[in-house]
Amino acid sequence: MRALSLLSNLKIRTSLILVLAFFLFMVFTGAVLGVFSMHGNNRALTQVAQNQRAGALIGEAGSVLKFSGGEVIEAGSSGALSHEGRSPALVHSFPSLAGQA
């Protein structure tokens, strides 16, 4: 009963301040939830991109081996992969080069 009498005796200025304070609290709460949601989505998308890169690398390695005719691709003296002096990118892009000596 006493709480009811406190609400009925509020001035207009006090009730407006309370309503504005509540709205401000809700705006800040929504902003914090939005930032945490974006952070979580960013982490999830980073993981998806890493998984796709890994799959693409595996697929590309399979394509290079397929285009090289099953020959082993060795590391050259420069440390880059080579296929009888040709880069694997050329072998991948131009399969006709794979069989040429």
C-alpha atoms as a PDB file:
ATOM      1  CA  MET A   1       0.000   0.000   0.000  1.00  0.00           C
ATOM      2  CA  ARG A   2       2.838   2.351   0.821  1.00  0.00           C
ATOM      3  CA  ALA A   3       4.549   1.781  -2.593  1.00  0.00           C
ATOM      4  CA  LEU A   4       1.308   2.730  -4.298  1.00  0.00           C
ATOM      5  CA  SER A   5       1.174   5.982  -2.400  1.00  0.00           C
ATOM      6  CA  LEU A   6       4.800   6.762  -3.374  1.00  0.00           C
ATOM      7  CA  LEU A   7       4.009   6.318  -7.084  1.00  0.00           C
ATOM      8  CA  SER A   8       0.877   8.439  -6.869  1.00  0.00           C
ATOM      9  CA  ASN A   9       2.742  11.279  -5.123  1.00  0.00           C
ATOM     10  CA  LEU A  10       5.521  11.568  -7.759  1.00  0.00           C
ATOM     11  CA  LYS A  11       5.992  14.883  -9.483  1.00  0.00           C
ATOM     12  CA  ILE A  12       5.897  14.978 -13.269  1.00  0.00           C
ATOM     13  CA  ARG A  13       9.578  15.934 -13.425  1.00  0.00           C
ATOM     14  CA  THR A  14      10.570  12.952 -11.252  1.00  0.00           C
ATOM     15  CA  SER A  15       8.536  10.485 -13.325  1.00  0.00           C
ATOM     16  CA  LEU A  16      10.042  11.857 -16.567  1.00  0.00           C
ATOM     17  CA  ILE A  17      13.546  11.503 -15.130  1.00  0.00           C
ATOM     18  CA  LEU A  18      12.821   7.903 -14.099  1.00  0.00           C
ATOM     19  CA  VAL A  19      11.442   7.047 -17.545  1.00  0.00           C
ATOM     20  CA  LEU A  20      14.444   8.642 -19.283  1.00  0.00           C
ATOM     21  CA  ALA A  21      16.847   6.825 -16.961  1.00  0.00           C
ATOM     22  CA  PHE A  22      15.121   3.527 -17.784  1.00  0.00           C
ATOM     23  CA  PHE A  23      15.350   4.228 -21.539  1.00  0.00           C
ATOM     24  CA  LEU A  24      19.024   5.169 -21.228  1.00  0.00           C
ATOM     25  CA  PHE A  25      19.699   1.951 -19.325  1.00  0.00           C
ATOM     26  CA  MET A  26      17.964  -0.056 -22.065  1.00  0.00           C
ATOM     27  CA  VAL A  27      19.940   1.726 -24.826  1.00  0.00           C
ATOM     28  CA  PHE A  28      23.264   0.990 -23.123  1.00  0.00           C
ATOM     29  CA  THR A  29      22.247  -2.610 -22.472  1.00  0.00           C
ATOM     30  CA  GLY A  30      21.340  -3.040 -26.152  1.00  0.00           C
ATOM     31  CA  ALA A  31      24.655  -1.502 -27.232  1.00  0.00           C
ATOM     32  CA  VAL A  32      26.646  -3.842 -24.986  1.00  0.00           C
ATOM     33  CA  LEU A  33      24.722  -6.873 -26.255  1.00  0.00           C
ATOM     34  CA  GLY A  34      25.300  -5.739 -29.853  1.00  0.00           C
ATOM     35  CA  VAL A  35      29.054  -5.380 -29.351  1.00  0.00           C
ATOM     36  CA  PHE A  36      29.343  -8.813 -27.746  1.00  0.00           C
ATOM     37  CA  SER A  37      27.208 -10.317 -30.518  1.00  0.00           C
ATOM     38  CA  MET A  38      29.431  -8.768 -33.203  1.00  0.00           C
ATOM     39  CA  HIS A  39      32.528 -10.074 -31.417  1.00  0.00           C
ATOM     40  CA  GLY A  40      31.098 -13.595 -31.325  1.00  0.00           C
ATOM     41  CA  ASN A  41      30.074 -13.439 -34.986  1.00  0.00           C
ATOM     42  CA  ASN A  42      33.531 -12.198 -35.951  1.00  0.00           C
ATOM     43  CA  ARG A  43      35.157 -15.139 -34.185  1.00  0.00           C
ATOM     44  CA  ALA A  44      32.773 -17.596 -35.853  1.00  0.00           C
ATOM     45  CA  LEU A  45      33.375 -16.125 -39.318  1.00  0.00           C
ATOM     46  CA  THR A  46      37.132 -16.235 -38.775  1.00  0.00           C
ATOM     47  CA  GLN A  47      36.862 -19.929 -37.976  1.00  0.00           C
ATOM     48  CA  VAL A  48      34.704 -20.537 -41.072  1.00  0.00           C
ATOM     49  CA  ALA A  49      37.259 -18.717 -43.249  1.00  0.00           C
ATOM     50  CA  GLN A  50      40.099 -20.811 -41.794  1.00  0.00           C
ATOM     51  CA  ASN A  51      38.172 -24.012 -42.500  1.00  0.00           C
ATOM     52  CA  GLN A  52      37.475 -22.905 -46.076  1.00  0.00           C
ATOM     53  CA  ARG A  53      41.137 -22.002 -46.625  1.00  0.00           C
ATOM     54  CA  ALA A  54      42.199 -25.416 -45.369  1.00  0.00           C
ATOM     55  CA  GLY A  55      39.731 -27.121 -47.704  1.00  0.00           C
ATOM     56  CA  ALA A  56      40.876 -24.996 -50.638  1.00  0.00           C
ATOM     57  CA  LEU A  57      44.532 -25.821 -49.954  1.00  0.00           C
ATOM     58  CA  ILE A  58      43.757 -29.533 -49.819  1.00  0.00           C
ATOM     59  CA  GLY A  59      41.796 -29.284 -53.072  1.00  0.00           C
ATOM     60  CA  GLU A  60      44.563 -27.286 -54.742  1.00  0.00           C
ATOM     61  CA  ALA A  61      47.197 -29.787 -53.630  1.00  0.00           C
ATOM     62  CA  GLY A  62      45.111 -32.586 -55.098  1.00  0.00           C
ATOM     63  CA  SER A  63      44.724 -30.676 -58.361  1.00  0.00           C
ATOM     64  CA  VAL A  64      48.460 -30.003 -58.626  1.00  0.00           C
ATOM     65  CA  LEU A  65      49.230 -33.677 -58.039  1.00  0.00           C
ATOM     66  CA  LYS A  66      46.575 -34.680 -60.561  1.00  0.00           C
ATOM     67  CA  PHE A  67      47.934 -32.310 -63.204  1.00  0.00           C
ATOM     68  CA  SER A  68      51.505 -33.400 -62.545  1.00  0.00           C
ATOM     69  CA  GLY A  69      50.622 -36.935 -63.575  1.00  0.00           C
ATOM     70  CA  GLY A  70      51.224 -38.343 -60.103  1.00  0.00           C
ATOM     71  CA  GLU A  71      54.874 -37.261 -60.054  1.00  0.00           C
ATOM     72  CA  VAL A  72      56.293 -36.031 -56.790  1.00  0.00           C
ATOM     73  CA  ILE A  73      56.721 -32.270 -56.552  1.00  0.00           C
ATOM     74  CA  GLU A  74      60.060 -31.477 -54.935  1.00  0.00           C
ATOM     75  CA  ALA A  75      61.303 -28.407 -53.128  1.00  0.00           C
ATOM     76  CA  GLY A  76      63.866 -26.513 -55.182  1.00  0.00           C
ATOM     77  CA  SER A  77      67.021 -24.819 -53.901  1.00  0.00           C
ATOM     78  CA  SER A  78      65.079 -21.574 -53.410  1.00  0.00           C
ATOM     79  CA  GLY A  79      62.672 -23.382 -51.090  1.00  0.00           C
ATOM     80  CA  ALA A  80      59.752 -22.877 -53.485  1.00  0.00           C
ATOM     81  CA  LEU A  81      57.920 -25.869 -54.856  1.00  0.00           C
ATOM     82  CA  SER A  82      58.922 -26.758 -58.377  1.00  0.00           C
ATOM     83  CA  HIS A  83      57.852 -29.323 -60.931  1.00  0.00           C
ATOM     84  CA  GLU A  84      60.841 -29.997 -63.145  1.00  0.00           C
ATOM     85  CA  GLY A  85      61.774 -26.322 -63.047  1.00  0.00           C
ATOM     86  CA  ARG A  86      58.206 -25.065 -63.492  1.00  0.00           C
ATOM     87  CA  SER A  87      56.078 -23.586 -60.759  1.00  0.00           C
ATOM     88  CA  PRO A  88      53.081 -25.633 -59.549  1.00  0.00           C
ATOM     89  CA  ALA A  89      50.886 -22.612 -60.330  1.00  0.00           C
ATOM     90  CA  LEU A  90      51.817 -22.909 -64.011  1.00  0.00           C
ATOM     91  CA  VAL A  91      51.215 -26.641 -63.936  1.00  0.00           C
ATOM     92  CA  HIS A  92      47.866 -26.016 -62.255  1.00  0.00           C
ATOM     93  CA  SER A  93      46.882 -23.249 -64.664  1.00  0.00           C
ATOM     94  CA  PHE A  94      48.207 -24.945 -67.800  1.00  0.00           C
ATOM     95  CA  PRO A  95      47.846 -28.731 -67.482  1.00  0.00           C
ATOM     96  CA  SER A  96      49.428 -29.181 -70.897  1.00  0.00           C
ATOM     97  CA  LEU A  97      52.756 -28.048 -69.385  1.00  0.00           C
ATOM     98  CA  ALA A  98      52.727 -30.972 -66.937  1.00  0.00           C
ATOM     99  CA  GLY A  99      53.665 -33.504 -69.591  1.00  0.00           C
ATOM    100  CA  GLN A 100      56.315 -31.393 -71.339  1.00  0.00           C
ATOM    101  CA  ALA A 101      59.984 -31.832 -70.516  1.00  0.00           C
END
